[in-house]
Amino acid sequence: MYKRFVAIALVTATVAGACSQPVSIERVTLSGDETRLEIIFDSCNAPLDVNVMESADAVTISVDRIDRDLFSGNDCQDVRIHQLSAALDGRPVIDGATGAPINVLDSPSADESTWPYDTSRFTQGEYEAALDDMVDCLMERDPQVTAWVYQSLDYKWYSWSKKPDANGLVSTTALEPCEQEHLAPLK
């Protein structure tokens, strides 16, 4: 009995490992202080194994899907933020699936035009506070809404979700008043 159990466990592990396949890394962006990597890949919310190996000479990123089906494309990408153990400091970033170097982009600074507010009128802190207030407003006015603020290196935005109603529709009357109250003044 014991020997059969071991044999079945080995076969199961081999089959599960065979289903794991590399996922294409689309973009890697380095934070301004060179301590965080934002990794974007085509995976469309698939279960993944994201592995970042650091050495004194390089940083290697491997992204593998765990399931069999994977919808992909730049219309359905996922992102992970990896905190490096030390600043990148010129080390190359390598794609673990291909062994090829990845071109690492620098993160835009807060005073560049990537921020969706007028930097001459508002600070980054004021903008982030307005987004946090927007999230609080949504969740307070519509308890079924799940809202969050997502920080992506030096860029911050909000998102929301809600379970569909009986007709499959998703909406909230809180969205427009909350945006008018908290985000419209920033434009």
C-alpha atoms as a PDB file:
ATOM      1  CA  MET A   1       0.000   0.000   0.000  1.00  0.00           C
ATOM      2  CA  TYR A   2       2.743   2.478   0.912  1.00  0.00           C
ATOM      3  CA  LYS A   3       4.655   1.892  -2.346  1.00  0.00           C
ATOM      4  CA  ARG A   4       1.548   2.515  -4.471  1.00  0.00           C
ATOM      5  CA  PHE A   5       0.878   5.805  -2.699  1.00  0.00           C
ATOM      6  CA  VAL A   6       4.427   7.023  -3.409  1.00  0.00           C
ATOM      7  CA  ALA A   7       4.160   6.023  -7.081  1.00  0.00           C
ATOM      8  CA  ILE A   8       0.854   7.873  -7.495  1.00  0.00           C
ATOM      9  CA  ALA A   9       2.292  10.979  -5.825  1.00  0.00           C
ATOM     10  CA  LEU A  10       5.276  10.979  -8.218  1.00  0.00           C
ATOM     11  CA  VAL A  11       3.037  10.617 -11.282  1.00  0.00           C
ATOM     12  CA  THR A  12       0.787  13.450 -10.072  1.00  0.00           C
ATOM     13  CA  ALA A  13       3.772  15.750  -9.495  1.00  0.00           C
ATOM     14  CA  THR A  14       5.146  14.987 -12.965  1.00  0.00           C
ATOM     15  CA  VAL A  15       1.806  15.700 -14.679  1.00  0.00           C
ATOM     16  CA  ALA A  16       1.320  18.943 -12.713  1.00  0.00           C
ATOM     17  CA  GLY A  17       4.828  20.100 -13.632  1.00  0.00           C
ATOM     18  CA  ALA A  18       4.168  19.398 -17.307  1.00  0.00           C
ATOM     19  CA  CYS A  19       1.237  21.857 -17.301  1.00  0.00           C
ATOM     20  CA  SER A  20       3.435  24.751 -16.196  1.00  0.00           C
ATOM     21  CA  GLN A  21       4.431  26.926 -19.154  1.00  0.00           C
ATOM     22  CA  PRO A  22       6.309  30.234 -19.437  1.00  0.00           C
ATOM     23  CA  VAL A  23       4.334  33.470 -19.773  1.00  0.00           C
ATOM     24  CA  SER A  24       5.581  36.349 -21.900  1.00  0.00           C
ATOM     25  CA  ILE A  25       6.999  39.285 -19.927  1.00  0.00           C
ATOM     26  CA  GLU A  26       5.802  42.447 -21.675  1.00  0.00           C
ATOM     27  CA  ARG A  27       7.504  45.186 -19.697  1.00  0.00           C
ATOM     28  CA  VAL A  28       9.641  45.750 -16.623  1.00  0.00           C
ATOM     29  CA  THR A  29       9.843  49.204 -15.044  1.00  0.00           C
ATOM     30  CA  LEU A  30      12.312  50.254 -12.347  1.00  0.00           C
ATOM     31  CA  SER A  31      11.260  52.565  -9.514  1.00  0.00           C
ATOM     32  CA  GLY A  32      13.018  55.905  -9.095  1.00  0.00           C
ATOM     33  CA  ASP A  33      15.037  54.618  -6.117  1.00  0.00           C
ATOM     34  CA  GLU A  34      15.962  51.447  -8.089  1.00  0.00           C
ATOM     35  CA  THR A  35      14.597  49.117  -5.394  1.00  0.00           C
ATOM     36  CA  ARG A  36      11.311  47.903  -6.983  1.00  0.00           C
ATOM     37  CA  LEU A  37      10.516  46.244 -10.288  1.00  0.00           C
ATOM     38  CA  GLU A  38       7.055  46.472 -11.832  1.00  0.00           C
ATOM     39  CA  ILE A  39       6.641  43.344 -13.980  1.00  0.00           C
ATOM     40  CA  ILE A  40       3.836  43.297 -16.574  1.00  0.00           C
ATOM     41  CA  PHE A  41       2.981  40.074 -18.378  1.00  0.00           C
ATOM     42  CA  ASP A  42       0.245  38.561 -20.549  1.00  0.00           C
ATOM     43  CA  SER A  43      -1.707  36.261 -18.272  1.00  0.00           C
ATOM     44  CA  CYS A  44      -5.288  37.529 -17.877  1.00  0.00           C
ATOM     45  CA  ASN A  45      -5.605  36.650 -14.177  1.00  0.00           C
ATOM     46  CA  ALA A  46      -4.345  33.071 -14.639  1.00  0.00           C
ATOM     47  CA  PRO A  47      -2.803  31.308 -11.632  1.00  0.00           C
ATOM     48  CA  LEU A  48       0.908  32.038 -11.880  1.00  0.00           C
ATOM     49  CA  ASP A  49       4.242  31.252 -10.332  1.00  0.00           C
ATOM     50  CA  VAL A  50       6.326  34.460 -10.452  1.00  0.00           C
ATOM     51  CA  ASN A  51       9.926  33.865  -9.430  1.00  0.00           C
ATOM     52  CA  VAL A  52      12.580  36.589  -9.148  1.00  0.00           C
ATOM     53  CA  MET A  53      16.107  35.334  -8.484  1.00  0.00           C
ATOM     54  CA  GLU A  54      18.694  37.911  -7.453  1.00  0.00           C
ATOM     55  CA  SER A  55      22.454  37.547  -7.543  1.00  0.00           C
ATOM     56  CA  ALA A  56      25.316  40.022  -7.414  1.00  0.00           C
ATOM     57  CA  ASP A  57      25.550  39.819 -11.225  1.00  0.00           C
ATOM     58  CA  ALA A  58      21.909  39.738 -12.449  1.00  0.00           C
ATOM     59  CA  VAL A  59      18.205  39.596 -11.655  1.00  0.00           C
ATOM     60  CA  THR A  60      16.306  36.779 -13.395  1.00  0.00           C
ATOM     61  CA  ILE A  61      12.509  36.865 -13.728  1.00  0.00           C
ATOM     62  CA  SER A  62      10.506  33.728 -14.534  1.00  0.00           C
ATOM     63  CA  VAL A  63       6.724  33.789 -14.909  1.00  0.00           C
ATOM     64  CA  ASP A  64       4.987  30.430 -15.381  1.00  0.00           C
ATOM     65  CA  ARG A  65       1.313  29.675 -15.691  1.00  0.00           C
ATOM     66  CA  ILE A  66       0.073  26.884 -13.493  1.00  0.00           C
ATOM     67  CA  ASP A  67      -3.158  26.005 -15.301  1.00  0.00           C
ATOM     68  CA  ARG A  68      -3.788  24.648 -18.786  1.00  0.00           C
ATOM     69  CA  ASP A  69      -5.851  27.509 -20.271  1.00  0.00           C
ATOM     70  CA  LEU A  70      -4.459  30.993 -20.604  1.00  0.00           C
ATOM     71  CA  PHE A  71      -6.071  33.937 -22.308  1.00  0.00           C
ATOM     72  CA  SER A  72      -3.395  36.427 -23.194  1.00  0.00           C
ATOM     73  CA  GLY A  73      -2.694  39.595 -25.086  1.00  0.00           C
ATOM     74  CA  ASN A  74      -2.052  43.173 -24.158  1.00  0.00           C
ATOM     75  CA  ASP A  75      -5.780  43.660 -23.526  1.00  0.00           C
ATOM     76  CA  CYS A  76      -5.520  41.383 -20.492  1.00  0.00           C
ATOM     77  CA  GLN A  77      -2.278  41.857 -18.628  1.00  0.00           C
ATOM     78  CA  ASP A  78      -1.320  41.415 -14.995  1.00  0.00           C
ATOM     79  CA  VAL A  79       1.258  43.203 -12.914  1.00  0.00           C
ATOM     80  CA  ARG A  80       3.439  42.274  -9.967  1.00  0.00           C
ATOM     81  CA  ILE A  81       5.679  44.544  -7.926  1.00  0.00           C
ATOM     82  CA  HIS A  82       8.899  42.950  -6.685  1.00  0.00           C
ATOM     83  CA  GLN A  83      10.936  44.553  -3.904  1.00  0.00           C
ATOM     84  CA  LEU A  84      14.617  43.966  -4.647  1.00  0.00           C
ATOM     85  CA  SER A  85      16.929  43.018  -1.788  1.00  0.00           C
ATOM     86  CA  ALA A  86      19.367  45.702  -3.033  1.00  0.00           C
ATOM     87  CA  ALA A  87      19.207  48.498  -5.616  1.00  0.00           C
ATOM     88  CA  LEU A  88      19.474  47.226  -9.206  1.00  0.00           C
ATOM     89  CA  ASP A  89      22.639  49.311  -9.663  1.00  0.00           C
ATOM     90  CA  GLY A  90      23.327  48.342 -13.284  1.00  0.00           C
ATOM     91  CA  ARG A  91      22.658  44.606 -12.939  1.00  0.00           C
ATOM     92  CA  PRO A  92      20.980  43.190 -16.049  1.00  0.00           C
ATOM     93  CA  VAL A  93      17.437  41.823 -15.781  1.00  0.00           C
ATOM     94  CA  ILE A  94      17.093  38.463 -17.545  1.00  0.00           C
ATOM     95  CA  ASP A  95      13.993  36.644 -18.849  1.00  0.00           C
ATOM     96  CA  GLY A  96      14.210  33.242 -17.157  1.00  0.00           C
ATOM     97  CA  ALA A  97      12.298  31.533 -19.992  1.00  0.00           C
ATOM     98  CA  THR A  98      14.541  32.706 -22.825  1.00  0.00           C
ATOM     99  CA  GLY A  99      17.765  33.762 -21.111  1.00  0.00           C
ATOM    100  CA  ALA A 100      17.534  37.077 -23.004  1.00  0.00           C
ATOM    101  CA  PRO A 101      18.101  40.436 -21.309  1.00  0.00           C
ATOM    102  CA  ILE A 102      14.999  42.534 -20.660  1.00  0.00           C
ATOM    103  CA  ASN A 103      15.057  46.255 -21.447  1.00  0.00           C
ATOM    104  CA  VAL A 104      14.166  47.848 -18.094  1.00  0.00           C
ATOM    105  CA  LEU A 105      12.296  51.146 -18.308  1.00  0.00           C
ATOM    106  CA  ASP A 106      12.814  53.969 -15.837  1.00  0.00           C
ATOM    107  CA  SER A 107       9.763  54.985 -13.836  1.00  0.00           C
ATOM    108  CA  PRO A 108       8.404  58.429 -14.689  1.00  0.00           C
ATOM    109  CA  SER A 109       8.865  61.066 -12.027  1.00  0.00           C
ATOM    110  CA  ALA A 110       5.829  62.651 -10.406  1.00  0.00           C
ATOM    111  CA  ASP A 111       6.406  65.963 -12.166  1.00  0.00           C
ATOM    112  CA  GLU A 112       6.168  64.447 -15.655  1.00  0.00           C
ATOM    113  CA  SER A 113       2.981  64.585 -17.698  1.00  0.00           C
ATOM    114  CA  THR A 114       2.100  60.978 -16.849  1.00  0.00           C
ATOM    115  CA  TRP A 115       0.165  62.207 -13.816  1.00  0.00           C
ATOM    116  CA  PRO A 116      -3.483  62.952 -14.682  1.00  0.00           C
ATOM    117  CA  TYR A 117      -3.632  66.186 -12.711  1.00  0.00           C
ATOM    118  CA  ASP A 118      -2.206  69.679 -13.006  1.00  0.00           C
ATOM    119  CA  THR A 119       1.080  69.492 -11.073  1.00  0.00           C
ATOM    120  CA  SER A 120       1.259  73.271 -10.888  1.00  0.00           C
ATOM    121  CA  ARG A 121      -1.955  73.305  -8.817  1.00  0.00           C
ATOM    122  CA  PHE A 122      -1.760  70.032  -6.832  1.00  0.00           C
ATOM    123  CA  THR A 123       0.929  67.946  -5.230  1.00  0.00           C
ATOM    124  CA  GLN A 124       1.240  64.198  -5.579  1.00  0.00           C
ATOM    125  CA  GLY A 125       0.117  63.859  -1.950  1.00  0.00           C
ATOM    126  CA  GLU A 126      -3.050  65.883  -2.598  1.00  0.00           C
ATOM    127  CA  TYR A 127      -3.862  63.729  -5.615  1.00  0.00           C
ATOM    128  CA  GLU A 128      -3.313  60.495  -3.667  1.00  0.00           C
ATOM    129  CA  ALA A 129      -5.482  61.808  -0.814  1.00  0.00           C
ATOM    130  CA  ALA A 130      -8.272  62.609  -3.302  1.00  0.00           C
ATOM    131  CA  LEU A 131      -8.109  59.058  -4.660  1.00  0.00           C
ATOM    132  CA  ASP A 132      -8.292  57.618  -1.148  1.00  0.00           C
ATOM    133  CA  ASP A 133     -11.296  59.873  -0.438  1.00  0.00           C
ATOM    134  CA  MET A 134     -12.915  58.683  -3.694  1.00  0.00           C
ATOM    135  CA  VAL A 135     -12.567  55.047  -2.596  1.00  0.00           C
ATOM    136  CA  ASP A 136     -13.997  55.817   0.857  1.00  0.00           C
ATOM    137  CA  CYS A 137     -16.906  57.689  -0.730  1.00  0.00           C
ATOM    138  CA  LEU A 138     -17.778  54.797  -3.059  1.00  0.00           C
ATOM    139  CA  MET A 139     -17.703  52.232  -0.301  1.00  0.00           C
ATOM    140  CA  GLU A 140     -19.714  54.422   2.063  1.00  0.00           C
ATOM    141  CA  ARG A 141     -22.468  55.292  -0.451  1.00  0.00           C
ATOM    142  CA  ASP A 142     -22.799  51.793  -1.958  1.00  0.00           C
ATOM    143  CA  PRO A 143     -21.923  49.005   0.500  1.00  0.00           C
ATOM    144  CA  GLN A 144     -21.881  46.402  -2.309  1.00  0.00           C
ATOM    145  CA  VAL A 145     -18.991  48.154  -4.034  1.00  0.00           C
ATOM    146  CA  THR A 146     -15.470  46.958  -3.484  1.00  0.00           C
ATOM    147  CA  ALA A 147     -13.076  49.805  -4.210  1.00  0.00           C
ATOM    148  CA  TRP A 148      -9.364  50.123  -3.925  1.00  0.00           C
ATOM    149  CA  VAL A 149      -6.447  52.338  -4.754  1.00  0.00           C
ATOM    150  CA  TYR A 150      -3.671  50.672  -6.699  1.00  0.00           C
ATOM    151  CA  GLN A 151      -0.109  51.935  -6.404  1.00  0.00           C
ATOM    152  CA  SER A 152       2.077  51.113  -9.389  1.00  0.00           C
ATOM    153  CA  LEU A 153       5.559  52.381  -8.620  1.00  0.00           C
ATOM    154  CA  ASP A 154       5.138  56.154  -8.996  1.00  0.00           C
ATOM    155  CA  TYR A 155       1.573  56.143 -10.360  1.00  0.00           C
ATOM    156  CA  LYS A 156      -1.617  55.741  -8.396  1.00  0.00           C
ATOM    157  CA  TRP A 157      -5.250  55.259  -9.444  1.00  0.00           C
ATOM    158  CA  TYR A 158      -8.489  53.799  -8.141  1.00  0.00           C
ATOM    159  CA  SER A 159     -10.736  51.021  -9.338  1.00  0.00           C
ATOM    160  CA  TRP A 160     -14.011  49.524  -8.186  1.00  0.00           C
ATOM    161  CA  SER A 161     -16.060  46.377  -8.613  1.00  0.00           C
ATOM    162  CA  LYS A 162     -19.486  45.125  -7.676  1.00  0.00           C
ATOM    163  CA  LYS A 163     -21.364  41.864  -8.038  1.00  0.00           C
ATOM    164  CA  PRO A 164     -23.749  41.886 -11.031  1.00  0.00           C
ATOM    165  CA  ASP A 165     -27.450  42.226 -10.272  1.00  0.00           C
ATOM    166  CA  ALA A 166     -30.105  39.664 -11.348  1.00  0.00           C
ATOM    167  CA  ASN A 167     -29.929  40.995 -14.942  1.00  0.00           C
ATOM    168  CA  GLY A 168     -26.137  40.689 -15.062  1.00  0.00           C
ATOM    169  CA  LEU A 169     -25.649  44.471 -14.889  1.00  0.00           C
ATOM    170  CA  VAL A 170     -23.066  46.200 -12.737  1.00  0.00           C
ATOM    171  CA  SER A 171     -23.568  49.821 -11.816  1.00  0.00           C
ATOM    172  CA  THR A 172     -23.554  52.146  -8.870  1.00  0.00           C
ATOM    173  CA  THR A 173     -25.254  55.480  -8.425  1.00  0.00           C
ATOM    174  CA  ALA A 174     -22.390  56.467  -6.099  1.00  0.00           C
ATOM    175  CA  LEU A 175     -19.811  56.671  -8.896  1.00  0.00           C
ATOM    176  CA  GLU A 176     -20.783  60.020 -10.425  1.00  0.00           C
ATOM    177  CA  PRO A 177     -21.319  61.981  -7.178  1.00  0.00           C
ATOM    178  CA  CYS A 178     -18.091  60.611  -5.669  1.00  0.00           C
ATOM    179  CA  GLU A 179     -16.087  61.514  -8.791  1.00  0.00           C
ATOM    180  CA  GLN A 180     -17.638  64.989  -8.850  1.00  0.00           C
ATOM    181  CA  GLU A 181     -16.896  65.526  -5.181  1.00  0.00           C
ATOM    182  CA  HIS A 182     -13.338  64.188  -5.043  1.00  0.00           C
ATOM    183  CA  LEU A 183     -11.766  63.975  -8.509  1.00  0.00           C
ATOM    184  CA  ALA A 184     -13.421  66.709 -10.619  1.00  0.00           C
ATOM    185  CA  PRO A 185     -11.729  69.508  -8.613  1.00  0.00           C
ATOM    186  CA  LEU A 186      -8.339  68.101  -9.663  1.00  0.00           C
ATOM    187  CA  LYS A 187      -8.968  68.564 -13.398  1.00  0.00           C
END
